[in-house]
PDB file of N, CA and C in Angstrom:
ATOM      1  N   UNK A   1      -0.926  -4.332 -16.712  1.00  0.00           N
ATOM      2  CA  UNK A   1      -1.678  -3.124 -16.972  1.00  0.00           C
ATOM      3  C   UNK A   1      -1.788  -2.319 -15.679  1.00  0.00           C
ATOM      4  N   UNK A   2      -1.576  -1.048 -15.769  1.00  0.00           N
ATOM      5  CA  UNK A   2      -1.688  -0.154 -14.615  1.00  0.00           C
ATOM      6  C   UNK A   2      -3.040   0.544 -14.651  1.00  0.00           C
ATOM      7  N   UNK A   3      -3.612   0.721 -13.488  1.00  0.00           N
ATOM      8  CA  UNK A   3      -4.904   1.388 -13.374  1.00  0.00           C
ATOM      9  C   UNK A   3      -4.664   2.826 -12.933  1.00  0.00           C
ATOM     10  N   UNK A   4      -5.354   3.768 -13.575  1.00  0.00           N
ATOM     11  CA  UNK A   4      -5.256   5.160 -13.142  1.00  0.00           C
ATOM     12  C   UNK A   4      -6.553   5.570 -12.442  1.00  0.00           C
ATOM     13  N   UNK A   5      -6.634   6.829 -12.048  1.00  0.00           N
ATOM     14  CA  UNK A   5      -7.787   7.306 -11.280  1.00  0.00           C
ATOM     15  C   UNK A   5      -9.097   7.124 -12.052  1.00  0.00           C
ATOM     16  N   UNK A   6      -9.107   7.435 -13.340  1.00  0.00           N
ATOM     17  CA  UNK A   6     -10.331   7.278 -14.132  1.00  0.00           C
ATOM     18  C   UNK A   6     -10.744   5.813 -14.238  1.00  0.00           C
ATOM     19  N   UNK A   7      -9.780   4.929 -14.373  1.00  0.00           N
ATOM     20  CA  UNK A   7     -10.081   3.492 -14.412  1.00  0.00           C
ATOM     21  C   UNK A   7     -10.694   3.045 -13.082  1.00  0.00           C
ATOM     22  N   UNK A   8     -10.164   3.564 -11.978  1.00  0.00           N
ATOM     23  CA  UNK A   8     -10.690   3.227 -10.661  1.00  0.00           C
ATOM     24  C   UNK A   8     -12.126   3.739 -10.503  1.00  0.00           C
ATOM     25  N   UNK A   9     -12.370   4.949 -10.944  1.00  0.00           N
ATOM     26  CA  UNK A   9     -13.727   5.514 -10.893  1.00  0.00           C
ATOM     27  C   UNK A   9     -14.684   4.638 -11.684  1.00  0.00           C
ATOM     28  N   UNK A  10     -14.300   4.247 -12.888  1.00  0.00           N
ATOM     29  CA  UNK A  10     -15.148   3.391 -13.723  1.00  0.00           C
ATOM     30  C   UNK A  10     -15.393   2.031 -13.061  1.00  0.00           C
ATOM     31  N   UNK A  11     -14.367   1.465 -12.437  1.00  0.00           N
ATOM     32  CA  UNK A  11     -14.511   0.166 -11.789  1.00  0.00           C
ATOM     33  C   UNK A  11     -15.448   0.254 -10.587  1.00  0.00           C
ATOM     34  N   UNK A  12     -15.313   1.301  -9.787  1.00  0.00           N
ATOM     35  CA  UNK A  12     -16.184   1.484  -8.622  1.00  0.00           C
ATOM     36  C   UNK A  12     -17.622   1.715  -9.076  1.00  0.00           C
ATOM     37  N   UNK A  13     -17.804   2.518 -10.110  1.00  0.00           N
ATOM     38  CA  UNK A  13     -19.150   2.777 -10.625  1.00  0.00           C
ATOM     39  C   UNK A  13     -19.787   1.489 -11.140  1.00  0.00           C
ATOM     40  N   UNK A  14     -19.033   0.675 -11.848  1.00  0.00           N
ATOM     41  CA  UNK A  14     -19.559  -0.581 -12.391  1.00  0.00           C
ATOM     42  C   UNK A  14     -19.875  -1.582 -11.279  1.00  0.00           C
ATOM     43  N   UNK A  15     -19.010  -1.666 -10.272  1.00  0.00           N
ATOM     44  CA  UNK A  15     -19.186  -2.621  -9.174  1.00  0.00           C
ATOM     45  C   UNK A  15     -20.358  -2.271  -8.276  1.00  0.00           C
ATOM     46  N   UNK A  16     -20.556  -0.962  -8.038  1.00  0.00           N
ATOM     47  CA  UNK A  16     -21.584  -0.528  -7.087  1.00  0.00           C
ATOM     48  C   UNK A  16     -22.892  -0.091  -7.727  1.00  0.00           C
ATOM     49  N   UNK A  17     -22.877   0.164  -9.029  1.00  0.00           N
ATOM     50  CA  UNK A  17     -24.072   0.689  -9.689  1.00  0.00           C
ATOM     51  C   UNK A  17     -24.223   2.192  -9.496  1.00  0.00           C
ATOM     52  N   UNK A  18     -23.198   2.832  -8.934  1.00  0.00           N
ATOM     53  CA  UNK A  18     -23.220   4.287  -8.737  1.00  0.00           C
ATOM     54  C   UNK A  18     -22.961   4.981 -10.066  1.00  0.00           C
ATOM     55  N   UNK A  19     -23.328   6.261 -10.121  1.00  0.00           N
ATOM     56  CA  UNK A  19     -22.941   7.047 -11.280  1.00  0.00           C
ATOM     57  C   UNK A  19     -21.447   7.323 -11.168  1.00  0.00           C
ATOM     58  N   UNK A  20     -20.836   7.681 -12.281  1.00  0.00           N
ATOM     59  CA  UNK A  20     -19.400   7.975 -12.257  1.00  0.00           C
ATOM     60  C   UNK A  20     -19.118   9.197 -11.383  1.00  0.00           C
ATOM     61  N   UNK A  21     -20.029  10.148 -11.366  1.00  0.00           N
ATOM     62  CA  UNK A  21     -19.839  11.343 -10.543  1.00  0.00           C
ATOM     63  C   UNK A  21     -19.848  10.975  -9.062  1.00  0.00           C
ATOM     64  N   UNK A  22     -20.799  10.135  -8.647  1.00  0.00           N
ATOM     65  CA  UNK A  22     -20.852   9.712  -7.244  1.00  0.00           C
ATOM     66  C   UNK A  22     -19.677   8.820  -6.881  1.00  0.00           C
ATOM     67  N   UNK A  23     -19.244   7.970  -7.804  1.00  0.00           N
ATOM     68  CA  UNK A  23     -18.075   7.124  -7.554  1.00  0.00           C
ATOM     69  C   UNK A  23     -16.826   7.988  -7.378  1.00  0.00           C
ATOM     70  N   UNK A  24     -16.699   9.031  -8.184  1.00  0.00           N
ATOM     71  CA  UNK A  24     -15.557   9.939  -8.059  1.00  0.00           C
ATOM     72  C   UNK A  24     -15.594  10.653  -6.707  1.00  0.00           C
ATOM     73  N   UNK A  25     -16.782  11.089  -6.272  1.00  0.00           N
ATOM     74  CA  UNK A  25     -16.915  11.743  -4.963  1.00  0.00           C
ATOM     75  C   UNK A  25     -16.524  10.780  -3.842  1.00  0.00           C
ATOM     76  N   UNK A  26     -16.940   9.523  -3.952  1.00  0.00           N
ATOM     77  CA  UNK A  26     -16.617   8.525  -2.925  1.00  0.00           C
ATOM     78  C   UNK A  26     -15.110   8.283  -2.858  1.00  0.00           C
ATOM     79  N   UNK A  27     -14.468   8.182  -4.008  1.00  0.00           N
ATOM     80  CA  UNK A  27     -13.019   7.951  -4.039  1.00  0.00           C
ATOM     81  C   UNK A  27     -12.277   9.160  -3.473  1.00  0.00           C
ATOM     82  N   UNK A  28     -12.700  10.372  -3.855  1.00  0.00           N
ATOM     83  CA  UNK A  28     -12.060  11.575  -3.319  1.00  0.00           C
ATOM     84  C   UNK A  28     -12.232  11.652  -1.812  1.00  0.00           C
ATOM     85  N   UNK A  29     -13.420  11.320  -1.303  1.00  0.00           N
ATOM     86  CA  UNK A  29     -13.660  11.346   0.137  1.00  0.00           C
ATOM     87  C   UNK A  29     -12.779  10.327   0.851  1.00  0.00           C
ATOM     88  N   UNK A  30     -12.607   9.156   0.255  1.00  0.00           N
ATOM     89  CA  UNK A  30     -11.759   8.122   0.852  1.00  0.00           C
ATOM     90  C   UNK A  30     -10.308   8.579   0.904  1.00  0.00           C
ATOM     91  N   UNK A  31      -9.810   9.101  -0.191  1.00  0.00           N
ATOM     92  CA  UNK A  31      -8.425   9.581  -0.248  1.00  0.00           C
ATOM     93  C   UNK A  31      -8.229  10.730   0.736  1.00  0.00           C
ATOM     94  N   UNK A  32      -9.206  11.643   0.822  1.00  0.00           N
ATOM     95  CA  UNK A  32      -9.096  12.762   1.759  1.00  0.00           C
ATOM     96  C   UNK A  32      -9.084  12.277   3.206  1.00  0.00           C
ATOM     97  N   UNK A  33      -9.889  11.279   3.524  1.00  0.00           N
ATOM     98  CA  UNK A  33      -9.923  10.739   4.885  1.00  0.00           C
ATOM     99  C   UNK A  33      -8.591  10.087   5.245  1.00  0.00           C
ATOM    100  N   UNK A  34      -8.024   9.314   4.319  1.00  0.00           N
ATOM    101  CA  UNK A  34      -6.725   8.672   4.558  1.00  0.00           C
ATOM    102  C   UNK A  34      -5.640   9.738   4.715  1.00  0.00           C
ATOM    103  N   UNK A  35      -5.632  10.717   3.824  1.00  0.00           N
ATOM    104  CA  UNK A  35      -4.639  11.781   3.865  1.00  0.00           C
ATOM    105  C   UNK A  35      -4.741  12.572   5.163  1.00  0.00           C
ATOM    106  N   UNK A  36      -5.958  12.890   5.569  1.00  0.00           N
ATOM    107  CA  UNK A  36      -6.151  13.638   6.810  1.00  0.00           C
ATOM    108  C   UNK A  36      -5.645  12.887   8.024  1.00  0.00           C
ATOM    109  N   UNK A  37      -5.945  11.594   8.089  1.00  0.00           N
ATOM    110  CA  UNK A  37      -5.500  10.784   9.226  1.00  0.00           C
ATOM    111  C   UNK A  37      -3.977  10.699   9.266  1.00  0.00           C
ATOM    112  N   UNK A  38      -3.339  10.484   8.122  1.00  0.00           N
ATOM    113  CA  UNK A  38      -1.876  10.382   8.079  1.00  0.00           C
ATOM    114  C   UNK A  38      -1.215  11.722   8.377  1.00  0.00           C
ATOM    115  N   UNK A  39      -1.788  12.813   7.902  1.00  0.00           N
ATOM    116  CA  UNK A  39      -1.181  14.121   8.155  1.00  0.00           C
ATOM    117  C   UNK A  39      -1.269  14.506   9.624  1.00  0.00           C
ATOM    118  N   UNK A  40      -2.219  13.902  10.359  1.00  0.00           N
ATOM    119  CA  UNK A  40      -2.318  14.121  11.799  1.00  0.00           C
ATOM    120  C   UNK A  40      -1.456  13.132  12.585  1.00  0.00           C
ATOM    121  N   UNK A  41      -0.660  12.322  11.885  1.00  0.00           N
ATOM    122  CA  UNK A  41       0.241  11.379  12.535  1.00  0.00           C
ATOM    123  C   UNK A  41      -0.414  10.055  12.904  1.00  0.00           C
ATOM    124  N   UNK A  42      -1.653   9.847  12.482  1.00  0.00           N
ATOM    125  CA  UNK A  42      -2.363   8.610  12.801  1.00  0.00           C
ATOM    126  C   UNK A  42      -2.104   7.514  11.785  1.00  0.00           C
ATOM    127  N   UNK A  43      -2.887   6.456  11.901  1.00  0.00           N
ATOM    128  CA  UNK A  43      -2.800   5.355  10.947  1.00  0.00           C
ATOM    129  C   UNK A  43      -4.211   4.879  10.641  1.00  0.00           C
ATOM    130  N   UNK A  44      -4.357   4.127   9.572  1.00  0.00           N
ATOM    131  CA  UNK A  44      -5.653   3.611   9.156  1.00  0.00           C
ATOM    132  C   UNK A  44      -5.483   2.147   8.789  1.00  0.00           C
ATOM    133  N   UNK A  45      -6.290   1.289   9.402  1.00  0.00           N
ATOM    134  CA  UNK A  45      -6.228  -0.138   9.121  1.00  0.00           C
ATOM    135  C   UNK A  45      -7.516  -0.591   8.469  1.00  0.00           C
ATOM    136  N   UNK A  46      -7.401  -1.220   7.326  1.00  0.00           N
ATOM    137  CA  UNK A  46      -8.520  -1.847   6.630  1.00  0.00           C
ATOM    138  C   UNK A  46      -8.243  -3.342   6.685  1.00  0.00           C
ATOM    139  N   UNK A  47      -8.981  -4.041   7.563  1.00  0.00           N
ATOM    140  CA  UNK A  47      -8.739  -5.463   7.794  1.00  0.00           C
ATOM    141  C   UNK A  47      -8.783  -6.215   6.466  1.00  0.00           C
ATOM    142  N   UNK A  48      -7.768  -7.017   6.210  1.00  0.00           N
ATOM    143  CA  UNK A  48      -7.679  -7.802   4.990  1.00  0.00           C
ATOM    144  C   UNK A  48      -7.016  -7.067   3.842  1.00  0.00           C
ATOM    145  N   UNK A  49      -7.071  -5.720   3.871  1.00  0.00           N
ATOM    146  CA  UNK A  49      -6.453  -4.939   2.791  1.00  0.00           C
ATOM    147  C   UNK A  49      -5.072  -4.466   3.198  1.00  0.00           C
ATOM    148  N   UNK A  50      -4.987  -3.753   4.334  1.00  0.00           N
ATOM    149  CA  UNK A  50      -3.688  -3.294   4.770  1.00  0.00           C
ATOM    150  C   UNK A  50      -3.768  -2.130   5.722  1.00  0.00           C
ATOM    151  N   UNK A  51      -2.601  -1.617   6.103  1.00  0.00           N
ATOM    152  CA  UNK A  51      -2.499  -0.517   7.054  1.00  0.00           C
ATOM    153  C   UNK A  51      -1.673   0.610   6.455  1.00  0.00           C
ATOM    154  N   UNK A  52      -2.233   1.802   6.514  1.00  0.00           N
ATOM    155  CA  UNK A  52      -1.529   3.019   6.121  1.00  0.00           C
ATOM    156  C   UNK A  52      -1.004   3.645   7.406  1.00  0.00           C
ATOM    157  N   UNK A  53       0.253   4.049   7.419  1.00  0.00           N
ATOM    158  CA  UNK A  53       0.817   4.667   8.611  1.00  0.00           C
ATOM    159  C   UNK A  53       1.892   5.668   8.206  1.00  0.00           C
ATOM    160  N   UNK A  54       2.390   6.388   9.218  1.00  0.00           N
ATOM    161  CA  UNK A  54       3.465   7.364   9.006  1.00  0.00           C
ATOM    162  C   UNK A  54       4.670   6.912   9.822  1.00  0.00           C
ATOM    163  N   UNK A  55       5.833   6.911   9.208  1.00  0.00           N
ATOM    164  CA  UNK A  55       7.063   6.576   9.914  1.00  0.00           C
ATOM    165  C   UNK A  55       8.041   7.747   9.816  1.00  0.00           C
ATOM    166  N   UNK A  56       8.884   7.874  10.809  1.00  0.00           N
ATOM    167  CA  UNK A  56       9.883   8.936  10.835  1.00  0.00           C
ATOM    168  C   UNK A  56      11.207   8.386  10.330  1.00  0.00           C
ATOM    169  N   UNK A  57      11.769   9.042   9.348  1.00  0.00           N
ATOM    170  CA  UNK A  57      13.099   8.679   8.850  1.00  0.00           C
ATOM    171  C   UNK A  57      14.077   9.706   9.398  1.00  0.00           C
ATOM    172  N   UNK A  58      15.068   9.234  10.089  1.00  0.00           N
ATOM    173  CA  UNK A  58      16.055  10.125  10.708  1.00  0.00           C
ATOM    174  C   UNK A  58      16.982  10.778   9.701  1.00  0.00           C
ATOM    175  N   UNK A  59      17.671  11.787  10.191  1.00  0.00           N
ATOM    176  CA  UNK A  59      18.660  12.467   9.364  1.00  0.00           C
ATOM    177  C   UNK A  59      19.790  11.497   9.030  1.00  0.00           C
ATOM    178  N   UNK A  60      20.326  11.609   7.820  1.00  0.00           N
ATOM    179  CA  UNK A  60      21.406  10.711   7.426  1.00  0.00           C
ATOM    180  C   UNK A  60      22.321  11.407   6.426  1.00  0.00           C
ATOM    181  N   UNK A  61      23.454  10.790   6.190  1.00  0.00           N
ATOM    182  CA  UNK A  61      24.409  11.328   5.224  1.00  0.00           C
ATOM    183  C   UNK A  61      24.253  10.577   3.905  1.00  0.00           C
ATOM    184  N   UNK A  62      24.389  11.304   2.817  1.00  0.00           N
ATOM    185  CA  UNK A  62      24.305  10.719   1.493  1.00  0.00           C
ATOM    186  C   UNK A  62      25.381  11.321   0.607  1.00  0.00           C
ATOM    187  N   UNK A  63      25.380  10.918  -0.661  1.00  0.00           N
ATOM    188  CA  UNK A  63      26.367  11.462  -1.597  1.00  0.00           C
ATOM    189  C   UNK A  63      25.659  12.022  -2.821  1.00  0.00           C
ATOM    190  N   UNK A  64      26.155  13.147  -3.287  1.00  0.00           N
ATOM    191  CA  UNK A  64      25.671  13.730  -4.523  1.00  0.00           C
ATOM    192  C   UNK A  64      26.228  12.856  -5.654  1.00  0.00           C
ATOM    193  N   UNK A  65      25.353  12.226  -6.463  1.00  0.00           N
ATOM    194  CA  UNK A  65      25.851  11.310  -7.495  1.00  0.00           C
ATOM    195  C   UNK A  65      26.675  11.994  -8.592  1.00  0.00           C
ATOM    196  N   UNK A  66      26.469  13.298  -8.790  1.00  0.00           N
ATOM    197  CA  UNK A  66      27.215  13.992  -9.834  1.00  0.00           C
ATOM    198  C   UNK A  66      28.613  14.397  -9.377  1.00  0.00           C
ATOM    199  N   UNK A  67      28.722  14.849  -8.118  1.00  0.00           N
ATOM    200  CA  UNK A  67      30.019  15.346  -7.649  1.00  0.00           C
ATOM    201  C   UNK A  67      30.710  14.404  -6.668  1.00  0.00           C
ATOM    202  N   UNK A  68      29.941  13.518  -6.059  1.00  0.00           N
ATOM    203  CA  UNK A  68      30.507  12.611  -5.068  1.00  0.00           C
ATOM    204  C   UNK A  68      30.643  13.248  -3.696  1.00  0.00           C
ATOM    205  N   UNK A  69      30.223  14.515  -3.585  1.00  0.00           N
ATOM    206  CA  UNK A  69      30.329  15.227  -2.308  1.00  0.00           C
ATOM    207  C   UNK A  69      29.312  14.676  -1.309  1.00  0.00           C
ATOM    208  N   UNK A  70      29.710  14.649  -0.040  1.00  0.00           N
ATOM    209  CA  UNK A  70      28.801  14.205   1.013  1.00  0.00           C
ATOM    210  C   UNK A  70      27.779  15.305   1.284  1.00  0.00           C
ATOM    211  N   UNK A  71      26.521  14.894   1.457  1.00  0.00           N
ATOM    212  CA  UNK A  71      25.457  15.847   1.769  1.00  0.00           C
ATOM    213  C   UNK A  71      24.636  15.300   2.923  1.00  0.00           C
ATOM    214  N   UNK A  72      24.048  16.204   3.668  1.00  0.00           N
ATOM    215  CA  UNK A  72      23.200  15.820   4.787  1.00  0.00           C
ATOM    216  C   UNK A  72      21.758  15.751   4.279  1.00  0.00           C
ATOM    217  N   UNK A  73      21.110  14.605   4.479  1.00  0.00           N
ATOM    218  CA  UNK A  73      19.720  14.431   4.084  1.00  0.00           C
ATOM    219  C   UNK A  73      18.882  14.633   5.346  1.00  0.00           C
ATOM    220  N   UNK A  74      17.982  15.591   5.305  1.00  0.00           N
ATOM    221  CA  UNK A  74      17.192  15.969   6.472  1.00  0.00           C
ATOM    222  C   UNK A  74      16.226  14.863   6.886  1.00  0.00           C
ATOM    223  N   UNK A  75      15.880  14.867   8.168  1.00  0.00           N
ATOM    224  CA  UNK A  75      14.885  13.929   8.686  1.00  0.00           C
ATOM    225  C   UNK A  75      13.528  14.290   8.093  1.00  0.00           C
ATOM    226  N   UNK A  76      12.671  13.281   7.933  1.00  0.00           N
ATOM    227  CA  UNK A  76      11.340  13.543   7.397  1.00  0.00           C
ATOM    228  C   UNK A  76      10.392  12.421   7.784  1.00  0.00           C
ATOM    229  N   UNK A  77       9.115  12.679   7.602  1.00  0.00           N
ATOM    230  CA  UNK A  77       8.085  11.670   7.819  1.00  0.00           C
ATOM    231  C   UNK A  77       7.667  11.155   6.449  1.00  0.00           C
ATOM    232  N   UNK A  78       7.418   9.868   6.371  1.00  0.00           N
ATOM    233  CA  UNK A  78       6.990   9.263   5.106  1.00  0.00           C
ATOM    234  C   UNK A  78       5.775   8.372   5.329  1.00  0.00           C
ATOM    235  N   UNK A  79       4.890   8.352   4.338  1.00  0.00           N
ATOM    236  CA  UNK A  79       3.730   7.473   4.391  1.00  0.00           C
ATOM    237  C   UNK A  79       4.184   6.058   4.064  1.00  0.00           C
ATOM    238  N   UNK A  80       3.580   5.089   4.748  1.00  0.00           N
ATOM    239  CA  UNK A  80       3.949   3.692   4.568  1.00  0.00           C
ATOM    240  C   UNK A  80       2.668   2.877   4.427  1.00  0.00           C
ATOM    241  N   UNK A  81       2.719   1.837   3.616  1.00  0.00           N
ATOM    242  CA  UNK A  81       1.587   0.928   3.476  1.00  0.00           C
ATOM    243  C   UNK A  81       2.082  -0.489   3.685  1.00  0.00           C
ATOM    244  N   UNK A  82       1.405  -1.210   4.565  1.00  0.00           N
ATOM    245  CA  UNK A  82       1.739  -2.614   4.791  1.00  0.00           C
ATOM    246  C   UNK A  82       0.521  -3.435   4.386  1.00  0.00           C
ATOM    247  N   UNK A  83       0.638  -4.272   3.363  1.00  0.00           N
ATOM    248  CA  UNK A  83      -0.515  -5.056   2.919  1.00  0.00           C
ATOM    249  C   UNK A  83      -0.980  -6.052   3.970  1.00  0.00           C
ATOM    250  N   UNK A  84      -2.303  -6.257   4.019  1.00  0.00           N
ATOM    251  CA  UNK A  84      -2.877  -7.258   4.903  1.00  0.00           C
ATOM    252  C   UNK A  84      -2.715  -8.644   4.308  1.00  0.00           C
ATOM    253  N   UNK A  85      -3.054  -9.644   5.099  1.00  0.00           N
ATOM    254  CA  UNK A  85      -2.845 -11.030   4.678  1.00  0.00           C
ATOM    255  C   UNK A  85      -3.662 -11.368   3.431  1.00  0.00           C
ATOM    256  N   UNK A  86      -4.926 -10.941   3.375  1.00  0.00           N
ATOM    257  CA  UNK A  86      -5.773 -11.268   2.221  1.00  0.00           C
ATOM    258  C   UNK A  86      -5.222 -10.659   0.930  1.00  0.00           C
ATOM    259  N   UNK A  87      -4.769  -9.397   1.006  1.00  0.00           N
ATOM    260  CA  UNK A  87      -4.193  -8.745  -0.173  1.00  0.00           C
ATOM    261  C   UNK A  87      -2.882  -9.421  -0.566  1.00  0.00           C
ATOM    262  N   UNK A  88      -2.047  -9.702   0.418  1.00  0.00           N
ATOM    263  CA  UNK A  88      -0.744 -10.317   0.139  1.00  0.00           C
ATOM    264  C   UNK A  88      -0.904 -11.678  -0.525  1.00  0.00           C
ATOM    265  N   UNK A  89      -1.851 -12.496  -0.055  1.00  0.00           N
ATOM    266  CA  UNK A  89      -2.021 -13.816  -0.651  1.00  0.00           C
ATOM    267  C   UNK A  89      -2.712 -13.753  -2.007  1.00  0.00           C
ATOM    268  N   UNK A  90      -3.517 -12.709  -2.242  1.00  0.00           N
ATOM    269  CA  UNK A  90      -4.131 -12.593  -3.573  1.00  0.00           C
ATOM    270  C   UNK A  90      -3.109 -12.144  -4.612  1.00  0.00           C
ATOM    271  N   UNK A  91      -2.131 -11.363  -4.178  1.00  0.00           N
ATOM    272  CA  UNK A  91      -1.064 -10.913  -5.079  1.00  0.00           C
ATOM    273  C   UNK A  91      -0.042 -12.012  -5.304  1.00  0.00           C
ATOM    274  N   UNK A  92       0.262 -12.749  -4.236  1.00  0.00           N
ATOM    275  CA  UNK A  92       1.268 -13.799  -4.300  1.00  0.00           C
ATOM    276  C   UNK A  92       0.694 -15.060  -3.651  1.00  0.00           C
ATOM    277  N   UNK A  93      -0.108 -15.814  -4.408  1.00  0.00           N
ATOM    278  CA  UNK A  93      -0.743 -16.998  -3.821  1.00  0.00           C
ATOM    279  C   UNK A  93       0.283 -17.978  -3.259  1.00  0.00           C
ATOM    280  N   UNK A  94      -0.050 -18.527  -2.111  1.00  0.00           N
ATOM    281  CA  UNK A  94       0.828 -19.492  -1.461  1.00  0.00           C
ATOM    282  C   UNK A  94       0.574 -20.858  -2.082  1.00  0.00           C
ATOM    283  N   UNK A  95       1.626 -21.494  -2.506  1.00  0.00           N
ATOM    284  CA  UNK A  95       1.530 -22.832  -3.080  1.00  0.00           C
ATOM    285  C   UNK A  95       1.897 -23.818  -1.979  1.00  0.00           C
ATOM    286  N   UNK A  96       1.013 -24.760  -1.737  1.00  0.00           N
ATOM    287  CA  UNK A  96       1.263 -25.739  -0.686  1.00  0.00           C
ATOM    288  C   UNK A  96       2.458 -26.604  -1.064  1.00  0.00           C
ATOM    289  N   UNK A  97       3.354 -26.855  -0.129  1.00  0.00           N
ATOM    290  CA  UNK A  97       4.515 -27.692  -0.442  1.00  0.00           C
ATOM    291  C   UNK A  97       4.068 -29.128  -0.714  1.00  0.00           C
ATOM    292  N   UNK A  98       4.809 -29.799  -1.561  1.00  0.00           N
ATOM    293  CA  UNK A  98       4.490 -31.193  -1.891  1.00  0.00           C
ATOM    294  C   UNK A  98       4.672 -32.059  -0.658  1.00  0.00           C
ATOM    295  N   UNK A  99       3.779 -33.008  -0.480  1.00  0.00           N
ATOM    296  CA  UNK A  99       3.866 -33.907   0.668  1.00  0.00           C
ATOM    297  C   UNK A  99       4.946 -34.946   0.416  1.00  0.00           C
ATOM    298  N   UNK A 100       5.680 -35.244   1.477  1.00  0.00           N
ATOM    299  CA  UNK A 100       6.710 -36.268   1.371  1.00  0.00           C
ATOM    300  C   UNK A 100       6.060 -37.630   1.535  1.00  0.00           C
ATOM    301  N   UNK A 101       6.581 -38.597   0.822  1.00  0.00           N
ATOM    302  CA  UNK A 101       6.066 -39.958   0.967  1.00  0.00           C
ATOM    303  C   UNK A 101       6.597 -40.533   2.266  1.00  0.00           C
ATOM    304  N   UNK A 102       5.722 -41.246   2.951  1.00  0.00           N
ATOM    305  CA  UNK A 102       6.125 -41.865   4.205  1.00  0.00           C
ATOM    306  C   UNK A 102       7.121 -42.976   3.934  1.00  0.00           C
ATOM    307  N   UNK A 103       8.134 -43.073   4.761  1.00  0.00           N
ATOM    308  CA  UNK A 103       9.149 -44.118   4.623  1.00  0.00           C
ATOM    309  C   UNK A 103       8.557 -45.442   5.099  1.00  0.00           C
ATOM    310  N   UNK A 104       8.827 -46.495   4.351  1.00  0.00           N
ATOM    311  CA  UNK A 104       8.312 -47.814   4.721  1.00  0.00           C
ATOM    312  C   UNK A 104       9.206 -48.417   5.794  1.00  0.00           C
ATOM    313  N   UNK A 105       8.547 -49.024   6.789  1.00  0.00           N
ATOM    314  CA  UNK A 105       9.300 -49.695   7.849  1.00  0.00           C
ATOM    315  C   UNK A 105       9.473 -51.154   7.458  1.00  0.00           C
ATOM    316  N   UNK A 106      10.624 -51.747   7.810  1.00  0.00           N
ATOM    317  CA  UNK A 106      10.885 -53.148   7.494  1.00  0.00           C
ATOM    318  C   UNK A 106      10.762 -53.999   8.681  1.00  0.00           C
TER     319      UNK A 106
END
């Protein structure tokens, strides 16, 4: 199941006891703060959740899939998210490897 903005607002309101209007304001303020920091070339780290940053992608050559002609793809900046350890392990829990039995000595 995918969560959309309204689902997120409802979840924040339920978790915090805030009204839906205040939860929506809080989410908008958070998104605006992240967007502002990234647009200024900065990064934002939320310990345990992850890091939002901006990376520069250089100019490169590509192909038009319809004609096969080579085209130049301009350099650009892109937003990047790297999940923190807590988020990564909650999404993909680490399973401990099975212990090997000790070899008996004779």
